[in-house]
Amino acid sequence: MHVVIMGCGRVGSTLARSLVERGHTVGVIDQNPKAFRRLGPDFDETTVRGIGFDREVLAKAGIQRADAFVSVSSGDNSNIIAARVARENYGVGNVIARIYDSQRASVYERLGIPTVATVRWTADRLLRHLLPEEQQELWRDPTATLSMVEVLCDEGWVGHLLTDLEQATGHRVAYITRFGRATLPTESTVLQDGDQVFMLVADDGAEQVAAIAGRAPQGGV
C-alpha cells in the first residue's frame, strides 16, 4: 500500500515510520524541510517540500498510485482542502483529515471525508476518566443496535472470571486494557485490579449493565 501523508509533525512522522515498518511505502509532504528530520536518518521514502494540495507536489509524493491520503498538518483549512483534492481530483478512496474544530469535523464527515477531531477526542478521553459513572459511547454499529462502552466495575469483581461478568449482565466483554495495553479476553481471563473493561451492549440493556457491574457480585456469581 502507498500512502501520501501531508504534515510531518509528531503525528505525521510517527505514522510514516509505522507504515514503513509494516512494509508499506509513503510519500511525506511538508512546507518546512526541517520537519523531515523527525523521520530519522534511515528513512529512505519520498519526502516533498510544498503544500499538500499543489498538483506538482502531490505528483512527486506519488498521489497517482496512492491507496490512501492522510492530512495531519497544523491547519484545519489546509487539511480539508488537501483531503478533498485527493478524493475528488485523484480518486483516492481512503482519505482521512485531522481537524481541531470538532463542529467542522462533523460537517466534513457528512461529506464523506473521515476526520479525526483531536480536541474532541482528547476531551472525551478525559471525561471517561473523570466521570466513569457516566457511560461514554466509544463505538456504535451501523444499525444503531449495539454500542461499545467502558464499564466501571465494582472492586468486588476483582478475582472473578470475565465470563462471570458476562453471565451476570447478559452482554459480552469486547476487550480489556491492562497496564496500558488492550487485550482480548479468553474464557480463563480473570479481572485484575486496575483493568479497564469495555463491553458491547444493546441500547435497552446499557443501564442494567452499568448497574450490575457497578456493585459487588451477587449470590453464586
N, C-alpha and C. Protein backbone atom coordinates (compact mmCIF):
# COMPACT_ATOMS: atom_id res chain seq x y z
N MET A 1 0.84 -1.19 0.00
CA MET A 1 0.00 0.00 0.00
C MET A 1 0.88 1.24 0.00
N HIS A 2 0.49 2.25 -0.80
CA HIS A 2 1.21 3.52 -0.81
C HIS A 2 0.32 4.60 -0.19
N VAL A 3 0.88 5.32 0.77
CA VAL A 3 0.12 6.34 1.49
C VAL A 3 0.84 7.68 1.35
N VAL A 4 0.09 8.71 0.98
CA VAL A 4 0.62 10.06 0.94
C VAL A 4 0.20 10.77 2.22
N ILE A 5 1.16 11.32 2.93
CA ILE A 5 0.90 11.99 4.21
C ILE A 5 1.27 13.46 4.09
N MET A 6 0.32 14.34 4.35
CA MET A 6 0.61 15.77 4.38
C MET A 6 0.78 16.20 5.83
N GLY A 7 1.96 16.67 6.18
CA GLY A 7 2.25 17.08 7.54
C GLY A 7 3.25 16.13 8.18
N CYS A 8 4.43 16.67 8.51
CA CYS A 8 5.47 15.82 9.10
C CYS A 8 5.77 16.27 10.52
N GLY A 9 4.70 16.53 11.27
CA GLY A 9 4.86 16.81 12.69
C GLY A 9 5.00 15.50 13.44
N ARG A 10 4.65 15.52 14.73
CA ARG A 10 4.79 14.31 15.52
C ARG A 10 3.87 13.19 15.05
N VAL A 11 2.64 13.56 14.68
CA VAL A 11 1.69 12.55 14.22
C VAL A 11 2.09 12.01 12.85
N GLY A 12 2.34 12.93 11.91
CA GLY A 12 2.67 12.51 10.56
C GLY A 12 3.93 11.68 10.48
N SER A 13 4.97 12.10 11.20
CA SER A 13 6.24 11.36 11.16
C SER A 13 6.10 9.99 11.82
N THR A 14 5.36 9.92 12.92
CA THR A 14 5.15 8.63 13.59
C THR A 14 4.36 7.68 12.70
N LEU A 15 3.33 8.21 12.06
CA LEU A 15 2.52 7.41 11.16
C LEU A 15 3.37 6.90 9.99
N ALA A 16 4.19 7.79 9.42
CA ALA A 16 5.03 7.41 8.28
C ALA A 16 5.98 6.27 8.66
N ARG A 17 6.65 6.41 9.80
CA ARG A 17 7.58 5.36 10.23
C ARG A 17 6.87 4.05 10.50
N SER A 18 5.69 4.14 11.11
CA SER A 18 4.93 2.93 11.43
C SER A 18 4.51 2.19 10.17
N LEU A 19 4.10 2.95 9.15
CA LEU A 19 3.69 2.33 7.89
C LEU A 19 4.87 1.64 7.20
N VAL A 20 6.01 2.31 7.21
CA VAL A 20 7.21 1.74 6.58
C VAL A 20 7.64 0.47 7.31
N GLU A 21 7.56 0.48 8.64
CA GLU A 21 7.92 -0.70 9.42
C GLU A 21 7.03 -1.89 9.09
N ARG A 22 5.81 -1.60 8.62
CA ARG A 22 4.87 -2.66 8.27
C ARG A 22 4.95 -3.04 6.79
N GLY A 23 5.95 -2.51 6.10
CA GLY A 23 6.17 -2.90 4.71
C GLY A 23 5.48 -2.06 3.66
N HIS A 24 4.90 -0.93 4.05
CA HIS A 24 4.23 -0.06 3.09
C HIS A 24 5.16 1.06 2.63
N THR A 25 4.77 1.74 1.56
CA THR A 25 5.54 2.89 1.08
C THR A 25 4.77 4.16 1.36
N VAL A 26 5.50 5.26 1.55
CA VAL A 26 4.86 6.53 1.86
C VAL A 26 5.53 7.67 1.10
N GLY A 27 4.75 8.71 0.90
CA GLY A 27 5.26 9.97 0.40
C GLY A 27 4.86 11.04 1.39
N VAL A 28 5.81 11.75 1.98
CA VAL A 28 5.53 12.70 3.05
C VAL A 28 5.73 14.12 2.52
N ILE A 29 4.72 14.96 2.78
CA ILE A 29 4.73 16.35 2.32
C ILE A 29 4.76 17.29 3.51
N ASP A 30 5.60 18.33 3.43
CA ASP A 30 5.60 19.37 4.46
C ASP A 30 6.23 20.62 3.87
N GLN A 31 5.75 21.78 4.31
CA GLN A 31 6.29 23.04 3.81
C GLN A 31 7.66 23.34 4.40
N ASN A 32 7.93 22.80 5.57
CA ASN A 32 9.19 23.06 6.26
C ASN A 32 10.13 21.87 6.08
N PRO A 33 11.21 22.02 5.34
CA PRO A 33 12.12 20.89 5.10
C PRO A 33 12.75 20.36 6.38
N LYS A 34 12.86 21.19 7.41
CA LYS A 34 13.45 20.74 8.67
C LYS A 34 12.56 19.71 9.37
N ALA A 35 11.27 19.72 9.01
CA ALA A 35 10.34 18.78 9.65
C ALA A 35 10.68 17.33 9.32
N PHE A 36 11.33 17.12 8.17
CA PHE A 36 11.65 15.75 7.77
C PHE A 36 12.70 15.10 8.68
N ARG A 37 13.36 15.91 9.50
CA ARG A 37 14.32 15.35 10.45
C ARG A 37 13.65 14.39 11.42
N ARG A 38 12.36 14.62 11.67
CA ARG A 38 11.64 13.75 12.60
C ARG A 38 11.55 12.31 12.08
N LEU A 39 11.76 12.13 10.80
CA LEU A 39 11.64 10.80 10.22
C LEU A 39 12.86 9.93 10.52
N GLY A 40 13.96 10.56 10.91
CA GLY A 40 15.17 9.81 11.25
C GLY A 40 16.11 9.67 10.08
N PRO A 41 17.37 9.40 10.34
CA PRO A 41 18.39 9.34 9.29
C PRO A 41 18.25 8.15 8.36
N ASP A 42 17.56 7.10 8.81
CA ASP A 42 17.44 5.89 7.99
C ASP A 42 16.20 5.88 7.11
N PHE A 43 15.42 6.92 7.17
CA PHE A 43 14.18 6.98 6.39
C PHE A 43 14.53 7.25 4.93
N ASP A 44 14.17 6.32 4.04
CA ASP A 44 14.53 6.48 2.63
C ASP A 44 13.32 6.54 1.70
N GLU A 45 12.15 6.85 2.27
CA GLU A 45 10.96 7.03 1.44
C GLU A 45 10.92 8.45 0.89
N THR A 46 9.94 8.74 0.06
CA THR A 46 9.83 10.03 -0.61
C THR A 46 9.42 11.14 0.34
N THR A 47 10.15 12.24 0.33
CA THR A 47 9.76 13.45 1.06
C THR A 47 9.72 14.61 0.07
N VAL A 48 8.67 15.43 0.18
CA VAL A 48 8.47 16.52 -0.77
C VAL A 48 8.16 17.80 -0.01
N ARG A 49 8.90 18.84 -0.32
CA ARG A 49 8.63 20.14 0.29
C ARG A 49 7.55 20.85 -0.51
N GLY A 50 6.53 21.32 0.18
CA GLY A 50 5.48 22.05 -0.52
C GLY A 50 4.14 21.96 0.18
N ILE A 51 3.11 22.41 -0.52
CA ILE A 51 1.74 22.43 0.00
C ILE A 51 1.02 21.17 -0.46
N GLY A 52 0.29 20.57 0.43
CA GLY A 52 -0.31 19.27 0.16
C GLY A 52 -1.45 19.24 -0.82
N PHE A 53 -1.88 20.39 -1.33
CA PHE A 53 -2.92 20.37 -2.36
C PHE A 53 -2.41 20.93 -3.68
N ASP A 54 -1.08 21.09 -3.79
CA ASP A 54 -0.45 21.51 -5.04
C ASP A 54 -0.27 20.28 -5.93
N ARG A 55 -0.70 20.36 -7.18
CA ARG A 55 -0.68 19.20 -8.06
C ARG A 55 0.73 18.65 -8.27
N GLU A 56 1.70 19.54 -8.47
CA GLU A 56 3.07 19.09 -8.70
C GLU A 56 3.64 18.40 -7.46
N VAL A 57 3.34 18.97 -6.32
CA VAL A 57 3.81 18.38 -5.06
C VAL A 57 3.18 17.01 -4.85
N LEU A 58 1.88 16.91 -5.07
CA LEU A 58 1.18 15.64 -4.91
C LEU A 58 1.72 14.59 -5.88
N ALA A 59 2.03 15.02 -7.10
CA ALA A 59 2.56 14.08 -8.08
C ALA A 59 3.90 13.51 -7.62
N LYS A 60 4.76 14.37 -7.08
CA LYS A 60 6.07 13.92 -6.59
C LYS A 60 5.92 12.94 -5.42
N ALA A 61 4.87 13.14 -4.64
CA ALA A 61 4.64 12.26 -3.48
C ALA A 61 3.98 10.95 -3.87
N GLY A 62 3.59 10.82 -5.14
CA GLY A 62 3.01 9.56 -5.61
C GLY A 62 1.51 9.46 -5.49
N ILE A 63 0.83 10.58 -5.64
CA ILE A 63 -0.63 10.58 -5.47
C ILE A 63 -1.33 9.69 -6.50
N GLN A 64 -0.75 9.56 -7.70
CA GLN A 64 -1.40 8.77 -8.75
C GLN A 64 -1.51 7.29 -8.38
N ARG A 65 -0.59 6.80 -7.56
CA ARG A 65 -0.64 5.39 -7.17
C ARG A 65 -1.04 5.22 -5.71
N ALA A 66 -1.49 6.29 -5.08
CA ALA A 66 -1.81 6.25 -3.66
C ALA A 66 -3.06 5.43 -3.38
N ASP A 67 -2.97 4.58 -2.36
CA ASP A 67 -4.13 3.85 -1.87
C ASP A 67 -4.84 4.64 -0.77
N ALA A 68 -4.12 5.57 -0.16
CA ALA A 68 -4.70 6.37 0.93
C ALA A 68 -3.99 7.71 1.01
N PHE A 69 -4.71 8.69 1.55
CA PHE A 69 -4.16 10.03 1.75
C PHE A 69 -4.53 10.49 3.15
N VAL A 70 -3.56 11.00 3.89
CA VAL A 70 -3.79 11.47 5.25
C VAL A 70 -3.26 12.88 5.38
N SER A 71 -4.12 13.80 5.83
CA SER A 71 -3.68 15.18 6.03
C SER A 71 -3.68 15.48 7.52
N VAL A 72 -2.48 15.69 8.07
CA VAL A 72 -2.33 15.92 9.50
C VAL A 72 -1.41 17.11 9.76
N SER A 73 -1.57 18.16 8.96
CA SER A 73 -0.80 19.38 9.21
C SER A 73 -1.44 20.13 10.37
N SER A 74 -0.90 21.27 10.71
CA SER A 74 -1.41 22.03 11.86
C SER A 74 -2.60 22.93 11.51
N GLY A 75 -3.02 22.95 10.26
CA GLY A 75 -4.12 23.83 9.86
C GLY A 75 -5.34 23.08 9.38
N ASP A 76 -6.50 23.36 9.95
CA ASP A 76 -7.73 22.70 9.54
C ASP A 76 -8.04 22.93 8.07
N ASN A 77 -7.93 24.19 7.63
CA ASN A 77 -8.27 24.51 6.25
C ASN A 77 -7.39 23.75 5.26
N SER A 78 -6.09 23.74 5.52
CA SER A 78 -5.17 23.03 4.64
C SER A 78 -5.48 21.54 4.62
N ASN A 79 -5.78 20.99 5.78
CA ASN A 79 -6.07 19.55 5.86
C ASN A 79 -7.29 19.17 5.06
N ILE A 80 -8.36 19.93 5.18
CA ILE A 80 -9.59 19.55 4.50
C ILE A 80 -9.50 19.83 3.01
N ILE A 81 -8.83 20.91 2.61
CA ILE A 81 -8.66 21.19 1.18
C ILE A 81 -7.85 20.08 0.53
N ALA A 82 -6.75 19.70 1.17
CA ALA A 82 -5.91 18.65 0.62
C ALA A 82 -6.66 17.32 0.54
N ALA A 83 -7.45 17.03 1.57
CA ALA A 83 -8.22 15.79 1.58
C ALA A 83 -9.24 15.77 0.44
N ARG A 84 -9.88 16.89 0.19
CA ARG A 84 -10.88 16.95 -0.88
C ARG A 84 -10.22 16.84 -2.25
N VAL A 85 -9.05 17.45 -2.40
CA VAL A 85 -8.33 17.35 -3.67
C VAL A 85 -7.96 15.89 -3.94
N ALA A 86 -7.45 15.22 -2.90
CA ALA A 86 -7.07 13.81 -3.05
C ALA A 86 -8.28 12.95 -3.42
N ARG A 87 -9.40 13.22 -2.79
CA ARG A 87 -10.61 12.44 -3.02
C ARG A 87 -11.23 12.77 -4.38
N GLU A 88 -11.45 14.06 -4.63
CA GLU A 88 -12.23 14.46 -5.80
C GLU A 88 -11.42 14.56 -7.08
N ASN A 89 -10.16 14.96 -7.00
CA ASN A 89 -9.36 15.15 -8.21
C ASN A 89 -8.57 13.90 -8.59
N TYR A 90 -8.19 13.11 -7.57
CA TYR A 90 -7.35 11.95 -7.86
C TYR A 90 -8.03 10.62 -7.56
N GLY A 91 -9.23 10.68 -7.03
CA GLY A 91 -10.00 9.46 -6.80
C GLY A 91 -9.43 8.54 -5.74
N VAL A 92 -8.68 9.09 -4.77
CA VAL A 92 -8.15 8.26 -3.68
C VAL A 92 -9.33 7.86 -2.79
N GLY A 93 -9.49 6.57 -2.61
CA GLY A 93 -10.66 6.10 -1.87
C GLY A 93 -10.59 6.27 -0.37
N ASN A 94 -9.41 6.08 0.19
CA ASN A 94 -9.25 6.15 1.64
C ASN A 94 -8.56 7.46 2.02
N VAL A 95 -9.35 8.42 2.45
CA VAL A 95 -8.86 9.76 2.77
C VAL A 95 -9.25 10.12 4.19
N ILE A 96 -8.29 10.59 4.98
CA ILE A 96 -8.56 10.96 6.37
C ILE A 96 -7.92 12.32 6.65
N ALA A 97 -8.65 13.18 7.36
CA ALA A 97 -8.14 14.51 7.69
C ALA A 97 -8.22 14.75 9.19
N ARG A 98 -7.16 15.35 9.74
CA ARG A 98 -7.20 15.75 11.15
C ARG A 98 -7.79 17.15 11.23
N ILE A 99 -8.79 17.30 12.10
CA ILE A 99 -9.47 18.58 12.28
C ILE A 99 -9.49 18.92 13.76
N TYR A 100 -9.09 20.13 14.10
CA TYR A 100 -9.10 20.54 15.50
C TYR A 100 -10.49 21.00 15.94
N ASP A 101 -11.24 21.58 15.02
CA ASP A 101 -12.58 22.08 15.33
C ASP A 101 -13.58 20.95 15.16
N SER A 102 -14.10 20.44 16.28
CA SER A 102 -14.99 19.28 16.22
C SER A 102 -16.29 19.57 15.48
N GLN A 103 -16.78 20.81 15.52
CA GLN A 103 -18.00 21.15 14.80
C GLN A 103 -17.79 21.07 13.30
N ARG A 104 -16.66 21.55 12.84
CA ARG A 104 -16.35 21.46 11.42
C ARG A 104 -16.12 20.01 11.02
N ALA A 105 -15.55 19.24 11.93
CA ALA A 105 -15.28 17.84 11.64
C ALA A 105 -16.56 17.09 11.30
N SER A 106 -17.62 17.36 12.05
CA SER A 106 -18.89 16.67 11.80
C SER A 106 -19.46 17.02 10.43
N VAL A 107 -19.22 18.26 9.98
CA VAL A 107 -19.68 18.67 8.65
C VAL A 107 -18.95 17.88 7.57
N TYR A 108 -17.65 17.76 7.70
CA TYR A 108 -16.86 17.04 6.71
C TYR A 108 -17.15 15.54 6.73
N GLU A 109 -17.50 15.02 7.90
CA GLU A 109 -17.89 13.61 7.97
C GLU A 109 -19.10 13.37 7.09
N ARG A 110 -20.03 14.33 7.09
CA ARG A 110 -21.24 14.18 6.28
C ARG A 110 -20.92 14.28 4.79
N LEU A 111 -19.80 14.89 4.45
CA LEU A 111 -19.37 14.98 3.06
C LEU A 111 -18.63 13.71 2.63
N GLY A 112 -18.48 12.78 3.56
CA GLY A 112 -17.84 11.53 3.22
C GLY A 112 -16.35 11.50 3.45
N ILE A 113 -15.80 12.48 4.18
CA ILE A 113 -14.37 12.51 4.48
C ILE A 113 -14.19 12.21 5.96
N PRO A 114 -13.69 11.03 6.32
CA PRO A 114 -13.45 10.71 7.73
C PRO A 114 -12.47 11.70 8.35
N THR A 115 -12.77 12.13 9.56
CA THR A 115 -11.90 13.10 10.23
C THR A 115 -11.54 12.61 11.62
N VAL A 116 -10.42 13.07 12.11
CA VAL A 116 -10.01 12.84 13.50
C VAL A 116 -9.98 14.21 14.17
N ALA A 117 -10.99 14.48 14.99
CA ALA A 117 -11.08 15.76 15.69
C ALA A 117 -10.30 15.64 16.99
N THR A 118 -9.06 16.07 17.00
CA THR A 118 -8.17 15.79 18.12
C THR A 118 -8.62 16.38 19.44
N VAL A 119 -9.15 17.59 19.41
CA VAL A 119 -9.59 18.22 20.66
C VAL A 119 -10.77 17.46 21.25
N ARG A 120 -11.74 17.11 20.41
CA ARG A 120 -12.92 16.38 20.88
C ARG A 120 -12.52 15.01 21.41
N TRP A 121 -11.62 14.33 20.68
CA TRP A 121 -11.18 13.01 21.10
C TRP A 121 -10.49 13.07 22.46
N THR A 122 -9.60 14.04 22.63
CA THR A 122 -8.88 14.18 23.89
C THR A 122 -9.84 14.50 25.03
N ALA A 123 -10.79 15.40 24.78
CA ALA A 123 -11.76 15.76 25.81
C ALA A 123 -12.60 14.56 26.23
N ASP A 124 -13.00 13.74 25.25
CA ASP A 124 -13.79 12.56 25.57
C ASP A 124 -13.01 11.57 26.41
N ARG A 125 -11.72 11.40 26.10
CA ARG A 125 -10.88 10.50 26.89
C ARG A 125 -10.77 10.99 28.33
N LEU A 126 -10.62 12.29 28.51
CA LEU A 126 -10.52 12.86 29.85
C LEU A 126 -11.83 12.67 30.61
N LEU A 127 -12.96 12.88 29.93
CA LEU A 127 -14.25 12.72 30.57
C LEU A 127 -14.47 11.29 31.06
N ARG A 128 -14.00 10.31 30.28
CA ARG A 128 -14.18 8.92 30.68
C ARG A 128 -13.42 8.61 31.96
N HIS A 129 -12.32 9.32 32.19
CA HIS A 129 -11.57 9.10 33.42
C HIS A 129 -12.11 9.92 34.58
N LEU A 130 -12.59 11.13 34.28
CA LEU A 130 -13.11 11.99 35.33
C LEU A 130 -14.50 11.57 35.78
N LEU A 131 -15.31 11.10 34.84
CA LEU A 131 -16.70 10.74 35.14
C LEU A 131 -16.99 9.31 34.70
N PRO A 132 -16.34 8.34 35.33
CA PRO A 132 -16.53 6.95 34.89
C PRO A 132 -17.95 6.45 35.06
N GLU A 133 -18.72 7.11 35.93
CA GLU A 133 -20.09 6.65 36.14
C GLU A 133 -20.99 7.06 34.98
N GLU A 134 -20.56 7.99 34.16
CA GLU A 134 -21.35 8.41 33.01
C GLU A 134 -20.81 7.71 31.78
N GLN A 135 -21.56 6.75 31.25
CA GLN A 135 -21.09 5.97 30.13
C GLN A 135 -20.88 6.85 28.90
N GLN A 136 -19.71 6.72 28.30
CA GLN A 136 -19.40 7.43 27.07
C GLN A 136 -19.28 6.41 25.95
N GLU A 137 -20.07 6.58 24.92
CA GLU A 137 -20.04 5.66 23.80
C GLU A 137 -18.71 5.74 23.06
N LEU A 138 -18.10 4.59 22.82
CA LEU A 138 -16.85 4.55 22.07
C LEU A 138 -17.08 4.16 20.62
N TRP A 139 -18.15 3.39 20.39
CA TRP A 139 -18.45 2.89 19.05
C TRP A 139 -19.91 2.51 18.99
N ARG A 140 -20.50 2.64 17.79
CA ARG A 140 -21.88 2.21 17.58
C ARG A 140 -21.95 1.53 16.22
N ASP A 141 -22.67 0.40 16.16
CA ASP A 141 -22.75 -0.31 14.89
C ASP A 141 -23.68 0.43 13.93
N PRO A 142 -23.56 0.19 12.62
CA PRO A 142 -24.34 0.94 11.64
C PRO A 142 -25.85 0.84 11.81
N THR A 143 -26.33 -0.24 12.42
CA THR A 143 -27.77 -0.38 12.62
C THR A 143 -28.26 0.31 13.88
N ALA A 144 -27.31 0.91 14.63
CA ALA A 144 -27.64 1.63 15.87
C ALA A 144 -28.25 0.71 16.92
N THR A 145 -27.92 -0.57 16.86
CA THR A 145 -28.45 -1.54 17.82
C THR A 145 -27.50 -1.78 18.98
N LEU A 146 -26.20 -1.85 18.67
CA LEU A 146 -25.19 -2.12 19.67
C LEU A 146 -24.23 -0.95 19.80
N SER A 147 -23.70 -0.79 20.99
CA SER A 147 -22.66 0.21 21.21
C SER A 147 -21.60 -0.39 22.12
N MET A 148 -20.41 0.19 22.09
CA MET A 148 -19.35 -0.25 22.98
C MET A 148 -19.07 0.85 23.98
N VAL A 149 -19.07 0.48 25.26
CA VAL A 149 -18.85 1.46 26.33
C VAL A 149 -17.83 0.92 27.31
N GLU A 150 -17.17 1.84 28.00
CA GLU A 150 -16.29 1.45 29.10
C GLU A 150 -17.15 1.28 30.34
N VAL A 151 -17.01 0.15 31.00
CA VAL A 151 -17.85 -0.18 32.16
C VAL A 151 -17.00 -0.13 33.43
N LEU A 152 -17.47 0.63 34.40
CA LEU A 152 -16.78 0.72 35.69
C LEU A 152 -17.24 -0.43 36.58
N CYS A 153 -16.30 -1.31 36.94
CA CYS A 153 -16.64 -2.49 37.74
C CYS A 153 -16.33 -2.26 39.22
N ASP A 154 -17.24 -2.70 40.06
CA ASP A 154 -17.00 -2.67 41.50
C ASP A 154 -15.78 -3.52 41.81
N GLU A 155 -15.04 -3.14 42.87
CA GLU A 155 -13.83 -3.88 43.24
C GLU A 155 -14.13 -5.33 43.62
N GLY A 156 -15.38 -5.61 43.92
CA GLY A 156 -15.76 -6.97 44.25
C GLY A 156 -15.61 -7.93 43.08
N TRP A 157 -15.55 -7.40 41.86
CA TRP A 157 -15.39 -8.25 40.68
C TRP A 157 -13.93 -8.69 40.49
N VAL A 158 -13.00 -8.01 41.14
CA VAL A 158 -11.59 -8.38 41.02
C VAL A 158 -11.40 -9.81 41.50
N GLY A 159 -10.74 -10.63 40.70
CA GLY A 159 -10.54 -12.04 41.04
C GLY A 159 -11.57 -12.95 40.40
N HIS A 160 -12.62 -12.36 39.81
CA HIS A 160 -13.64 -13.15 39.13
C HIS A 160 -13.32 -13.28 37.65
N LEU A 161 -13.79 -14.36 37.04
CA LEU A 161 -13.67 -14.51 35.60
C LEU A 161 -14.52 -13.46 34.89
N LEU A 162 -14.03 -13.00 33.75
CA LEU A 162 -14.84 -12.07 32.97
C LEU A 162 -16.11 -12.74 32.45
N THR A 163 -16.06 -14.04 32.28
CA THR A 163 -17.26 -14.75 31.87
C THR A 163 -18.34 -14.67 32.95
N ASP A 164 -17.94 -14.52 34.23
CA ASP A 164 -18.93 -14.32 35.30
C ASP A 164 -19.65 -12.99 35.10
N LEU A 165 -18.88 -11.97 34.72
CA LEU A 165 -19.48 -10.66 34.48
C LEU A 165 -20.41 -10.72 33.27
N GLU A 166 -20.00 -11.44 32.24
CA GLU A 166 -20.84 -11.58 31.06
C GLU A 166 -22.13 -12.31 31.39
N GLN A 167 -22.02 -13.35 32.20
CA GLN A 167 -23.20 -14.12 32.58
C GLN A 167 -24.16 -13.27 33.41
N ALA A 168 -23.60 -12.45 34.30
CA ALA A 168 -24.44 -11.63 35.17
C ALA A 168 -25.14 -10.52 34.40
N THR A 169 -24.46 -9.95 33.43
CA THR A 169 -25.02 -8.81 32.69
C THR A 169 -25.77 -9.23 31.44
N GLY A 170 -25.43 -10.41 30.91
CA GLY A 170 -26.05 -10.84 29.66
C GLY A 170 -25.45 -10.18 28.44
N HIS A 171 -24.27 -9.56 28.60
CA HIS A 171 -23.60 -8.89 27.48
C HIS A 171 -22.14 -9.30 27.43
N ARG A 172 -21.50 -9.05 26.29
CA ARG A 172 -20.16 -9.52 26.04
C ARG A 172 -19.10 -8.46 26.35
N VAL A 173 -17.96 -8.93 26.88
CA VAL A 173 -16.79 -8.09 27.06
C VAL A 173 -16.04 -8.06 25.73
N ALA A 174 -15.86 -6.88 25.16
CA ALA A 174 -15.16 -6.76 23.88
C ALA A 174 -13.65 -6.88 24.07
N TYR A 175 -13.12 -6.12 25.03
CA TYR A 175 -11.70 -6.21 25.35
C TYR A 175 -11.45 -5.52 26.68
N ILE A 176 -10.26 -5.75 27.22
CA ILE A 176 -9.86 -5.05 28.45
C ILE A 176 -8.52 -4.36 28.19
N THR A 177 -8.27 -3.32 28.95
CA THR A 177 -6.96 -2.67 28.91
C THR A 177 -6.26 -2.93 30.22
N ARG A 178 -5.09 -3.55 30.16
CA ARG A 178 -4.33 -3.93 31.36
C ARG A 178 -2.90 -3.40 31.21
N PHE A 179 -2.49 -2.59 32.18
CA PHE A 179 -1.16 -1.98 32.14
C PHE A 179 -0.95 -1.19 30.84
N GLY A 180 -2.03 -0.53 30.38
CA GLY A 180 -1.93 0.33 29.21
C GLY A 180 -1.99 -0.39 27.88
N ARG A 181 -2.26 -1.71 27.91
CA ARG A 181 -2.30 -2.49 26.67
C ARG A 181 -3.63 -3.19 26.53
N ALA A 182 -4.24 -3.06 25.33
CA ALA A 182 -5.52 -3.71 25.08
C ALA A 182 -5.32 -5.20 24.91
N THR A 183 -6.24 -5.98 25.48
CA THR A 183 -6.15 -7.44 25.44
C THR A 183 -7.51 -8.05 25.16
N LEU A 184 -7.55 -9.02 24.26
CA LEU A 184 -8.79 -9.76 24.02
C LEU A 184 -8.95 -10.82 25.11
N PRO A 185 -10.08 -10.83 25.79
CA PRO A 185 -10.26 -11.79 26.89
C PRO A 185 -10.51 -13.21 26.37
N THR A 186 -10.16 -14.18 27.19
CA THR A 186 -10.48 -15.58 26.91
C THR A 186 -11.40 -16.09 28.01
N GLU A 187 -11.78 -17.35 27.92
CA GLU A 187 -12.67 -17.91 28.93
C GLU A 187 -12.01 -17.97 30.30
N SER A 188 -10.69 -17.93 30.32
CA SER A 188 -9.98 -18.05 31.61
C SER A 188 -9.47 -16.71 32.13
N THR A 189 -9.81 -15.60 31.44
CA THR A 189 -9.33 -14.29 31.87
C THR A 189 -10.00 -13.86 33.16
N VAL A 190 -9.18 -13.51 34.14
CA VAL A 190 -9.66 -13.06 35.44
C VAL A 190 -9.46 -11.55 35.56
N LEU A 191 -10.47 -10.85 36.06
CA LEU A 191 -10.38 -9.40 36.22
C LEU A 191 -9.37 -9.06 37.31
N GLN A 192 -8.44 -8.16 36.98
CA GLN A 192 -7.43 -7.73 37.93
C GLN A 192 -7.68 -6.28 38.31
N ASP A 193 -7.13 -5.89 39.45
CA ASP A 193 -7.24 -4.52 39.91
C ASP A 193 -6.59 -3.58 38.89
N GLY A 194 -7.30 -2.55 38.49
CA GLY A 194 -6.78 -1.59 37.53
C GLY A 194 -7.18 -1.86 36.10
N ASP A 195 -7.81 -3.01 35.83
CA ASP A 195 -8.26 -3.31 34.47
C ASP A 195 -9.36 -2.34 34.05
N GLN A 196 -9.33 -1.96 32.78
CA GLN A 196 -10.43 -1.20 32.19
C GLN A 196 -11.22 -2.17 31.32
N VAL A 197 -12.53 -2.21 31.52
CA VAL A 197 -13.38 -3.18 30.84
C VAL A 197 -14.27 -2.46 29.83
N PHE A 198 -14.26 -2.98 28.60
CA PHE A 198 -15.07 -2.41 27.53
C PHE A 198 -16.04 -3.47 27.04
N MET A 199 -17.33 -3.15 27.06
CA MET A 199 -18.36 -4.13 26.75
C MET A 199 -19.23 -3.69 25.58
N LEU A 200 -19.72 -4.68 24.85
CA LEU A 200 -20.71 -4.46 23.80
C LEU A 200 -22.08 -4.61 24.43
N VAL A 201 -22.89 -3.57 24.33
CA VAL A 201 -24.19 -3.59 24.99
C VAL A 201 -25.29 -3.16 24.02
N ALA A 202 -26.47 -3.70 24.22
CA ALA A 202 -27.64 -3.27 23.48
C ALA A 202 -28.21 -2.03 24.17
N ASP A 203 -28.87 -1.19 23.38
CA ASP A 203 -29.39 0.06 23.94
C ASP A 203 -30.31 -0.17 25.12
N ASP A 204 -31.15 -1.22 25.04
CA ASP A 204 -32.11 -1.42 26.12
C ASP A 204 -31.49 -2.08 27.35
N GLY A 205 -30.18 -2.39 27.28
CA GLY A 205 -29.55 -3.03 28.42
C GLY A 205 -28.38 -2.27 29.01
N ALA A 206 -28.09 -1.09 28.46
CA ALA A 206 -26.91 -0.34 28.89
C ALA A 206 -26.97 0.04 30.37
N GLU A 207 -28.09 0.54 30.81
CA GLU A 207 -28.21 0.96 32.21
C GLU A 207 -28.11 -0.24 33.15
N GLN A 208 -28.70 -1.35 32.75
CA GLN A 208 -28.65 -2.56 33.58
C GLN A 208 -27.22 -3.08 33.70
N VAL A 209 -26.48 -3.05 32.59
CA VAL A 209 -25.09 -3.50 32.61
C VAL A 209 -24.27 -2.64 33.57
N ALA A 210 -24.45 -1.32 33.49
CA ALA A 210 -23.72 -0.41 34.37
C ALA A 210 -24.06 -0.67 35.83
N ALA A 211 -25.33 -0.94 36.10
CA ALA A 211 -25.77 -1.16 37.48
C ALA A 211 -25.20 -2.47 38.03
N ILE A 212 -25.22 -3.52 37.23
CA ILE A 212 -24.73 -4.83 37.70
C ILE A 212 -23.22 -4.79 37.90
N ALA A 213 -22.51 -4.21 36.95
CA ALA A 213 -21.05 -4.14 37.06
C ALA A 213 -20.62 -3.21 38.18
N GLY A 214 -21.46 -2.24 38.50
CA GLY A 214 -21.10 -1.24 39.50
C GLY A 214 -21.32 -1.66 40.94
N ARG A 215 -21.84 -2.88 41.15
CA ARG A 215 -21.98 -3.38 42.51
C ARG A 215 -21.30 -4.75 42.61
N ALA A 216 -21.03 -5.17 43.82
CA ALA A 216 -20.35 -6.44 44.04
C ALA A 216 -21.17 -7.59 43.50
N PRO A 217 -20.52 -8.67 43.05
CA PRO A 217 -21.24 -9.84 42.54
C PRO A 217 -22.24 -10.37 43.55
N GLN A 218 -23.38 -10.82 43.02
CA GLN A 218 -24.44 -11.29 43.87
C GLN A 218 -24.52 -12.82 43.86
N GLY A 219 -24.96 -13.39 44.93
CA GLY A 219 -25.23 -14.83 45.00
C GLY A 219 -24.03 -15.67 44.69
N GLY A 220 -24.23 -16.63 43.79
CA GLY A 220 -23.17 -17.58 43.46
C GLY A 220 -22.24 -17.13 42.36
N VAL A 221 -22.44 -15.93 41.86
CA VAL A 221 -21.59 -15.46 40.78
C VAL A 221 -20.19 -15.23 41.28
